[in-house]
Amino acid sequence: DDITFTHRAEHHFSDPRGIAGGGDAMRAHT
């Protein structure tokens, strides 16, 4: 019990973008 947990991330609401016609990556989810 009683563990302090800190979570910090990006790409939960946007996808890492592809270039030159490539597709975007799957976004994060926790």
Full PDB file with SEQRES, HELIX, SHEET, SSBOND, CRYST1, ORIGX, SCALE, CONECT and MASTER records, all heavy atoms in Angstrom:
SEQRES   1 A   30  ASP ASP ILE THR PHE THR HIS ARG ALA GLU HIS HIS PHE          
SEQRES   2 A   30  SER ASP PRO ARG GLY ILE ALA GLY GLY GLY ASP ALA MET          
SEQRES   3 A   30  ARG ALA HIS THR                                              
CRYST1    1.000    1.000    1.000  90.00  90.00  90.00 P 1           1          
ORIGX1      1.000000  0.000000  0.000000        0.00000                         
ORIGX2      0.000000  1.000000  0.000000        0.00000                         
ORIGX3      0.000000  0.000000  1.000000        0.00000                         
SCALE1      1.000000  0.000000  0.000000        0.00000                         
SCALE2      0.000000  1.000000  0.000000        0.00000                         
SCALE3      0.000000  0.000000  1.000000        0.00000                         
ATOM      1  N   ASP A   1       0.820  -1.204   0.000  1.00  0.00           N  
ATOM      2  CA  ASP A   1       0.000   0.000   0.000  1.00  0.00           C  
ATOM      3  C   ASP A   1       0.856   1.257   0.000  1.00  0.00           C  
ATOM      4  O   ASP A   1       2.053   1.229   0.309  1.00  0.00           O  
ATOM      5  CB  ASP A   1      -0.901   0.021   1.251  1.00  0.00           C  
ATOM      6  CG  ASP A   1      -2.003  -1.027   1.195  1.00  0.00           C  
ATOM      7  OD1 ASP A   1      -2.307  -1.499   0.085  1.00  0.00           O  
ATOM      8  OD2 ASP A   1      -2.538  -1.367   2.272  1.00  0.00           O  
ATOM      9  N   ASP A   2       0.192   2.350  -0.357  1.00  0.00           N  
ATOM     10  CA  ASP A   2       0.729   3.702  -0.188  1.00  0.00           C  
ATOM     11  C   ASP A   2       2.029   3.935  -0.958  1.00  0.00           C  
ATOM     12  O   ASP A   2       3.038   4.381  -0.405  1.00  0.00           O  
ATOM     13  CB  ASP A   2       0.933   4.001   1.299  1.00  0.00           C  
ATOM     14  CG  ASP A   2       0.993   5.498   1.582  1.00  0.00           C  
ATOM     15  OD1 ASP A   2       0.528   6.277   0.718  1.00  0.00           O  
ATOM     16  OD2 ASP A   2       1.503   5.889   2.645  1.00  0.00           O  
ATOM     17  N   ILE A   3       2.002   3.655  -2.258  1.00  0.00           N  
ATOM     18  CA  ILE A   3       3.105   3.987  -3.155  1.00  0.00           C  
ATOM     19  C   ILE A   3       2.697   5.223  -3.949  1.00  0.00           C  
ATOM     20  O   ILE A   3       1.637   5.237  -4.590  1.00  0.00           O  
ATOM     21  CB  ILE A   3       3.428   2.825  -4.110  1.00  0.00           C  
ATOM     22  CG1 ILE A   3       3.935   1.613  -3.332  1.00  0.00           C  
ATOM     23  CG2 ILE A   3       4.453   3.247  -5.166  1.00  0.00           C  
ATOM     24  CD1 ILE A   3       4.169   0.377  -4.195  1.00  0.00           C  
ATOM     25  N   THR A   4       3.499   6.254  -3.903  1.00  0.00           N  
ATOM     26  CA  THR A   4       3.232   7.434  -4.731  1.00  0.00           C  
ATOM     27  C   THR A   4       3.698   7.139  -6.155  1.00  0.00           C  
ATOM     28  O   THR A   4       4.847   6.745  -6.371  1.00  0.00           O  
ATOM     29  CB  THR A   4       3.961   8.669  -4.180  1.00  0.00           C  
ATOM     30  OG1 THR A   4       3.498   8.946  -2.864  1.00  0.00           O  
ATOM     31  CG2 THR A   4       3.691   9.885  -5.067  1.00  0.00           C  
ATOM     32  N   PHE A   5       2.804   7.344  -7.097  1.00  0.00           N  
ATOM     33  CA  PHE A   5       3.095   7.039  -8.501  1.00  0.00           C  
ATOM     34  C   PHE A   5       2.971   8.307  -9.340  1.00  0.00           C  
ATOM     35  O   PHE A   5       1.928   8.972  -9.329  1.00  0.00           O  
ATOM     36  CB  PHE A   5       2.126   5.973  -9.019  1.00  0.00           C  
ATOM     37  CG  PHE A   5       2.215   5.707 -10.505  1.00  0.00           C  
ATOM     38  CD1 PHE A   5       3.411   5.296 -11.084  1.00  0.00           C  
ATOM     39  CD2 PHE A   5       1.100   5.876 -11.322  1.00  0.00           C  
ATOM     40  CE1 PHE A   5       3.491   5.051 -12.444  1.00  0.00           C  
ATOM     41  CE2 PHE A   5       1.174   5.632 -12.681  1.00  0.00           C  
ATOM     42  CZ  PHE A   5       2.381   5.225 -13.247  1.00  0.00           C  
ATOM     43  N   THR A   6       4.050   8.658 -10.029  1.00  0.00           N  
ATOM     44  CA  THR A   6       4.057   9.797 -10.945  1.00  0.00           C  
ATOM     45  C   THR A   6       4.144   9.278 -12.373  1.00  0.00           C  
ATOM     46  O   THR A   6       4.994   8.437 -12.677  1.00  0.00           O  
ATOM     47  CB  THR A   6       5.252  10.724 -10.661  1.00  0.00           C  
ATOM     48  OG1 THR A   6       5.194  11.180  -9.314  1.00  0.00           O  
ATOM     49  CG2 THR A   6       5.238  11.934 -11.603  1.00  0.00           C  
ATOM     50  N   HIS A   7       3.258   9.770 -13.233  1.00  0.00           N  
ATOM     51  CA  HIS A   7       3.221   9.350 -14.640  1.00  0.00           C  
ATOM     52  C   HIS A   7       3.280  10.599 -15.507  1.00  0.00           C  
ATOM     53  O   HIS A   7       2.504  11.534 -15.338  1.00  0.00           O  
ATOM     54  CB  HIS A   7       1.924   8.590 -14.926  1.00  0.00           C  
ATOM     55  CG  HIS A   7       1.724   8.202 -16.366  1.00  0.00           C  
ATOM     56  ND1 HIS A   7       1.274   9.089 -17.326  1.00  0.00           N  
ATOM     57  CD2 HIS A   7       1.907   7.015 -16.998  1.00  0.00           C  
ATOM     58  CE1 HIS A   7       1.182   8.458 -18.486  1.00  0.00           C  
ATOM     59  NE2 HIS A   7       1.552   7.208 -18.328  1.00  0.00           N  
ATOM     60  N   ARG A   8       4.246  10.601 -16.437  1.00  0.00           N  
ATOM     61  CA  ARG A   8       4.387  11.745 -17.342  1.00  0.00           C  
ATOM     62  C   ARG A   8       4.632  11.220 -18.747  1.00  0.00           C  
ATOM     63  O   ARG A   8       5.573  10.465 -18.983  1.00  0.00           O  
ATOM     64  CB  ARG A   8       5.571  12.603 -16.902  1.00  0.00           C  
ATOM     65  CG  ARG A   8       5.708  13.890 -17.685  1.00  0.00           C  
ATOM     66  CD  ARG A   8       6.946  14.628 -17.267  1.00  0.00           C  
ATOM     67  NE  ARG A   8       8.084  14.324 -18.103  1.00  0.00           N  
ATOM     68  CZ  ARG A   8       9.344  14.363 -17.684  1.00  0.00           C  
ATOM     69  NH1 ARG A   8       9.626  14.635 -16.433  1.00  0.00           N  
ATOM     70  NH2 ARG A   8      10.329  14.101 -18.513  1.00  0.00           N  
ATOM     71  N   ALA A   9       3.780  11.626 -19.682  1.00  0.00           N  
ATOM     72  CA  ALA A   9       3.909  11.117 -21.047  1.00  0.00           C  
ATOM     73  C   ALA A   9       3.313  12.107 -22.032  1.00  0.00           C  
ATOM     74  O   ALA A   9       2.682  13.097 -21.655  1.00  0.00           O  
ATOM     75  CB  ALA A   9       3.224   9.758 -21.179  1.00  0.00           C  
ATOM     76  N   GLU A  10       3.555  11.846 -23.315  1.00  0.00           N  
ATOM     77  CA  GLU A  10       2.947  12.610 -24.403  1.00  0.00           C  
ATOM     78  C   GLU A  10       2.294  11.631 -25.389  1.00  0.00           C  
ATOM     79  O   GLU A  10       2.366  10.417 -25.216  1.00  0.00           O  
ATOM     80  CB  GLU A  10       3.991  13.464 -25.121  1.00  0.00           C  
ATOM     81  CG  GLU A  10       4.675  14.490 -24.246  1.00  0.00           C  
ATOM     82  CD  GLU A  10       3.705  15.460 -23.602  1.00  0.00           C  
ATOM     83  OE1 GLU A  10       2.637  15.763 -24.198  1.00  0.00           O  
ATOM     84  OE2 GLU A  10       3.996  15.914 -22.481  1.00  0.00           O  
ATOM     85  N   HIS A  11       1.669  12.187 -26.402  1.00  0.00           N  
ATOM     86  CA  HIS A  11       1.031  11.420 -27.473  1.00  0.00           C  
ATOM     87  C   HIS A  11      -0.158  10.599 -26.968  1.00  0.00           C  
ATOM     88  O   HIS A  11      -0.505   9.590 -27.573  1.00  0.00           O  
ATOM     89  CB  HIS A  11       2.041  10.496 -28.170  1.00  0.00           C  
ATOM     90  CG  HIS A  11       3.217  11.216 -28.753  1.00  0.00           C  
ATOM     91  ND1 HIS A  11       3.085  12.235 -29.672  1.00  0.00           N  
ATOM     92  CD2 HIS A  11       4.552  11.065 -28.538  1.00  0.00           C  
ATOM     93  CE1 HIS A  11       4.282  12.677 -30.005  1.00  0.00           C  
ATOM     94  NE2 HIS A  11       5.185  11.988 -29.324  1.00  0.00           N  
ATOM     95  N   HIS A  12      -0.785  11.036 -25.877  1.00  0.00           N  
ATOM     96  CA  HIS A  12      -2.044  10.423 -25.471  1.00  0.00           C  
ATOM     97  C   HIS A  12      -3.210  11.011 -26.262  1.00  0.00           C  
ATOM     98  O   HIS A  12      -4.267  10.391 -26.348  1.00  0.00           O  
ATOM     99  CB  HIS A  12      -2.286  10.633 -23.971  1.00  0.00           C  
ATOM    100  CG  HIS A  12      -1.531   9.673 -23.107  1.00  0.00           C  
ATOM    101  ND1 HIS A  12      -2.154   8.756 -22.295  1.00  0.00           N  
ATOM    102  CD2 HIS A  12      -0.200   9.481 -22.934  1.00  0.00           C  
ATOM    103  CE1 HIS A  12      -1.240   8.042 -21.661  1.00  0.00           C  
ATOM    104  NE2 HIS A  12      -0.049   8.468 -22.031  1.00  0.00           N  
ATOM    105  N   PHE A  13      -3.015  12.181 -26.830  1.00  0.00           N  
ATOM    106  CA  PHE A  13      -4.091  12.855 -27.571  1.00  0.00           C  
ATOM    107  C   PHE A  13      -3.696  13.189 -29.007  1.00  0.00           C  
ATOM    108  O   PHE A  13      -4.467  13.806 -29.737  1.00  0.00           O  
ATOM    109  CB  PHE A  13      -4.509  14.132 -26.825  1.00  0.00           C  
ATOM    110  CG  PHE A  13      -4.980  13.870 -25.428  1.00  0.00           C  
ATOM    111  CD1 PHE A  13      -4.140  14.092 -24.342  1.00  0.00           C  
ATOM    112  CD2 PHE A  13      -6.251  13.372 -25.189  1.00  0.00           C  
ATOM    113  CE1 PHE A  13      -4.564  13.838 -23.046  1.00  0.00           C  
ATOM    114  CE2 PHE A  13      -6.690  13.114 -23.893  1.00  0.00           C  
ATOM    115  CZ  PHE A  13      -5.838  13.348 -22.821  1.00  0.00           C  
ATOM    116  N   SER A  14      -2.505  12.794 -29.410  1.00  0.00           N  
ATOM    117  CA  SER A  14      -2.071  13.008 -30.791  1.00  0.00           C  
ATOM    118  C   SER A  14      -1.104  11.902 -31.166  1.00  0.00           C  
ATOM    119  O   SER A  14      -0.494  11.280 -30.295  1.00  0.00           O  
ATOM    120  CB  SER A  14      -1.394  14.377 -30.950  1.00  0.00           C  
ATOM    121  OG  SER A  14      -0.222  14.445 -30.155  1.00  0.00           O  
ATOM    122  N   ASP A  15      -0.971  11.656 -32.467  1.00  0.00           N  
ATOM    123  CA  ASP A  15      -0.129  10.564 -32.946  1.00  0.00           C  
ATOM    124  C   ASP A  15       1.226  11.096 -33.407  1.00  0.00           C  
ATOM    125  O   ASP A  15       1.299  12.148 -34.046  1.00  0.00           O  
ATOM    126  CB  ASP A  15      -0.795   9.869 -34.143  1.00  0.00           C  
ATOM    127  CG  ASP A  15      -2.238   9.479 -33.868  1.00  0.00           C  
ATOM    128  OD1 ASP A  15      -2.492   8.968 -32.770  1.00  0.00           O  
ATOM    129  OD2 ASP A  15      -3.095   9.684 -34.756  1.00  0.00           O  
ATOM    130  N   PRO A  16       2.313  10.367 -33.119  1.00  0.00           N  
ATOM    131  CA  PRO A  16       3.593  10.716 -33.744  1.00  0.00           C  
ATOM    132  C   PRO A  16       3.465  10.620 -35.264  1.00  0.00           C  
ATOM    133  O   PRO A  16       3.053   9.590 -35.791  1.00  0.00           O  
ATOM    134  CB  PRO A  16       4.550   9.648 -33.182  1.00  0.00           C  
ATOM    135  CG  PRO A  16       3.928   9.210 -31.896  1.00  0.00           C  
ATOM    136  CD  PRO A  16       2.448   9.264 -32.154  1.00  0.00           C  
ATOM    137  N   ARG A  17       3.814  11.693 -35.948  1.00  0.00           N  
ATOM    138  CA  ARG A  17       3.495  11.800 -37.373  1.00  0.00           C  
ATOM    139  C   ARG A  17       4.493  11.099 -38.282  1.00  0.00           C  
ATOM    140  O   ARG A  17       5.685  11.067 -38.012  1.00  0.00           O  
ATOM    141  CB  ARG A  17       3.417  13.278 -37.759  1.00  0.00           C  
ATOM    142  CG  ARG A  17       2.150  13.972 -37.275  1.00  0.00           C  
ATOM    143  CD  ARG A  17       2.200  15.445 -37.572  1.00  0.00           C  
ATOM    144  NE  ARG A  17       3.033  16.161 -36.612  1.00  0.00           N  
ATOM    145  CZ  ARG A  17       3.408  17.422 -36.760  1.00  0.00           C  
ATOM    146  NH1 ARG A  17       3.060  18.093 -37.837  1.00  0.00           N  
ATOM    147  NH2 ARG A  17       4.152  18.005 -35.850  1.00  0.00           N  
ATOM    148  N   GLY A  18       3.956  10.576 -39.374  1.00  0.00           N  
ATOM    149  CA  GLY A  18       4.789  10.051 -40.442  1.00  0.00           C  
ATOM    150  C   GLY A  18       5.180  11.160 -41.401  1.00  0.00           C  
ATOM    151  O   GLY A  18       4.657  12.275 -41.339  1.00  0.00           O  
ATOM    152  N   ILE A  19       6.104  10.860 -42.307  1.00  0.00           N  
ATOM    153  CA  ILE A  19       6.504  11.827 -43.320  1.00  0.00           C  
ATOM    154  C   ILE A  19       6.601  11.143 -44.678  1.00  0.00           C  
ATOM    155  O   ILE A  19       6.608   9.909 -44.772  1.00  0.00           O  
ATOM    156  CB  ILE A  19       7.854  12.509 -42.986  1.00  0.00           C  
ATOM    157  CG1 ILE A  19       9.002  11.487 -42.933  1.00  0.00           C  
ATOM    158  CG2 ILE A  19       7.765  13.300 -41.701  1.00  0.00           C  
ATOM    159  CD1 ILE A  19      10.376  12.132 -42.846  1.00  0.00           C  
ATOM    160  N   ALA A  20       6.674  11.956 -45.715  1.00  0.00           N  
ATOM    161  CA  ALA A  20       6.833  11.478 -47.095  1.00  0.00           C  
ATOM    162  C   ALA A  20       5.739  10.482 -47.471  1.00  0.00           C  
ATOM    163  O   ALA A  20       5.965   9.542 -48.228  1.00  0.00           O  
ATOM    164  CB  ALA A  20       8.221  10.854 -47.296  1.00  0.00           C  
ATOM    165  N   GLY A  21       4.538  10.693 -46.929  1.00  0.00           N  
ATOM    166  CA  GLY A  21       3.426   9.800 -47.228  1.00  0.00           C  
ATOM    167  C   GLY A  21       3.270   8.660 -46.252  1.00  0.00           C  
ATOM    168  O   GLY A  21       2.362   7.825 -46.402  1.00  0.00           O  
ATOM    169  N   GLY A  22       4.137   8.580 -45.241  1.00  0.00           N  
ATOM    170  CA  GLY A  22       4.035   7.522 -44.245  1.00  0.00           C  
ATOM    171  C   GLY A  22       2.928   7.788 -43.247  1.00  0.00           C  
ATOM    172  O   GLY A  22       2.494   8.931 -43.043  1.00  0.00           O  
ATOM    173  N   GLY A  23       2.434   6.726 -42.613  1.00  0.00           N  
ATOM    174  CA  GLY A  23       1.330   6.846 -41.678  1.00  0.00           C  
ATOM    175  C   GLY A  23       1.773   7.269 -40.289  1.00  0.00           C  
ATOM    176  O   GLY A  23       2.937   7.127 -39.902  1.00  0.00           O  
ATOM    177  N   ASP A  24       0.811   7.813 -39.548  1.00  0.00           N  
ATOM    178  CA  ASP A  24       1.069   8.182 -38.159  1.00  0.00           C  
ATOM    179  C   ASP A  24       1.134   6.928 -37.295  1.00  0.00           C  
ATOM    180  O   ASP A  24       0.565   5.883 -37.612  1.00  0.00           O  
ATOM    181  CB  ASP A  24      -0.038   9.095 -37.642  1.00  0.00           C  
ATOM    182  CG  ASP A  24      -0.065  10.437 -38.349  1.00  0.00           C  
ATOM    183  OD1 ASP A  24       0.921  10.773 -39.038  1.00  0.00           O  
ATOM    184  OD2 ASP A  24      -1.087  11.141 -38.217  1.00  0.00           O  
ATOM    185  N   ALA A  25       1.836   7.039 -36.171  1.00  0.00           N  
ATOM    186  CA  ALA A  25       1.963   5.917 -35.236  1.00  0.00           C  
ATOM    187  C   ALA A  25       0.753   5.860 -34.309  1.00  0.00           C  
ATOM    188  O   ALA A  25      -0.048   6.796 -34.226  1.00  0.00           O  
ATOM    189  CB  ALA A  25       3.244   6.059 -34.430  1.00  0.00           C  
ATOM    190  N   MET A  26       0.636   4.761 -33.600  1.00  0.00           N  
ATOM    191  CA  MET A  26      -0.411   4.602 -32.600  1.00  0.00           C  
ATOM    192  C   MET A  26      -0.073   5.435 -31.378  1.00  0.00           C  
ATOM    193  O   MET A  26       1.072   5.459 -30.931  1.00  0.00           O  
ATOM    194  CB  MET A  26      -0.535   3.121 -32.231  1.00  0.00           C  
ATOM    195  CG  MET A  26      -1.713   2.784 -31.345  1.00  0.00           C  
ATOM    196  SD  MET A  26      -1.760   0.996 -30.949  1.00  0.00           S  
ATOM    197  CE  MET A  26      -2.159   0.316 -32.558  1.00  0.00           C  
ATOM    198  N   ARG A  27      -1.065   6.126 -30.838  1.00  0.00           N  
ATOM    199  CA  ARG A  27      -0.817   6.994 -29.694  1.00  0.00           C  
ATOM    200  C   ARG A  27      -0.693   6.196 -28.395  1.00  0.00           C  
ATOM    201  O   ARG A  27      -0.998   4.996 -28.343  1.00  0.00           O  
ATOM    202  CB  ARG A  27      -1.903   8.049 -29.567  1.00  0.00           C  
ATOM    203  CG  ARG A  27      -3.299   7.520 -29.311  1.00  0.00           C  
ATOM    204  CD  ARG A  27      -4.328   8.639 -29.331  1.00  0.00           C  
ATOM    205  NE  ARG A  27      -4.344   9.364 -30.599  1.00  0.00           N  
ATOM    206  CZ  ARG A  27      -5.201  10.346 -30.880  1.00  0.00           C  
ATOM    207  NH1 ARG A  27      -6.115  10.721 -29.992  1.00  0.00           N  
ATOM    208  NH2 ARG A  27      -5.152  10.958 -32.043  1.00  0.00           N  
ATOM    209  N   ALA A  28      -0.270   6.866 -27.342  1.00  0.00           N  
ATOM    210  CA  ALA A  28      -0.063   6.227 -26.044  1.00  0.00           C  
ATOM    211  C   ALA A  28      -1.382   5.969 -25.337  1.00  0.00           C  
ATOM    212  O   ALA A  28      -2.408   6.603 -25.618  1.00  0.00           O  
ATOM    213  CB  ALA A  28       0.832   7.105 -25.171  1.00  0.00           C  
ATOM    214  N   HIS A  29      -1.336   5.045 -24.388  1.00  0.00           N  
ATOM    215  CA  HIS A  29      -2.523   4.762 -23.588  1.00  0.00           C  
ATOM    216  C   HIS A  29      -2.069   4.152 -22.269  1.00  0.00           C  
ATOM    217  O   HIS A  29      -1.270   3.217 -22.243  1.00  0.00           O  
ATOM    218  CB  HIS A  29      -3.451   3.783 -24.317  1.00  0.00           C  
ATOM    219  CG  HIS A  29      -4.818   3.686 -23.701  1.00  0.00           C  
ATOM    220  ND1 HIS A  29      -5.634   4.775 -23.488  1.00  0.00           N  
ATOM    221  CD2 HIS A  29      -5.509   2.604 -23.237  1.00  0.00           C  
ATOM    222  CE1 HIS A  29      -6.774   4.382 -22.939  1.00  0.00           C  
ATOM    223  NE2 HIS A  29      -6.726   3.065 -22.777  1.00  0.00           N  
ATOM    224  N   THR A  30      -2.562   4.694 -21.161  1.00  0.00           N  
ATOM    225  CA  THR A  30      -2.206   4.203 -19.838  1.00  0.00           C  
ATOM    226  C   THR A  30      -3.463   3.999 -19.006  1.00  0.00           C  
ATOM    227  O   THR A  30      -4.318   4.882 -18.943  1.00  0.00           O  
ATOM    228  CB  THR A  30      -1.265   5.185 -19.111  1.00  0.00           C  
ATOM    229  OG1 THR A  30      -0.072   5.353 -19.892  1.00  0.00           O  
ATOM    230  CG2 THR A  30      -0.886   4.670 -17.732  1.00  0.00           C  
TER     231      THR A  30                                                      
MASTER        0    0    0    0    0    0    0    6  230    1    0    3          
END                                                                             
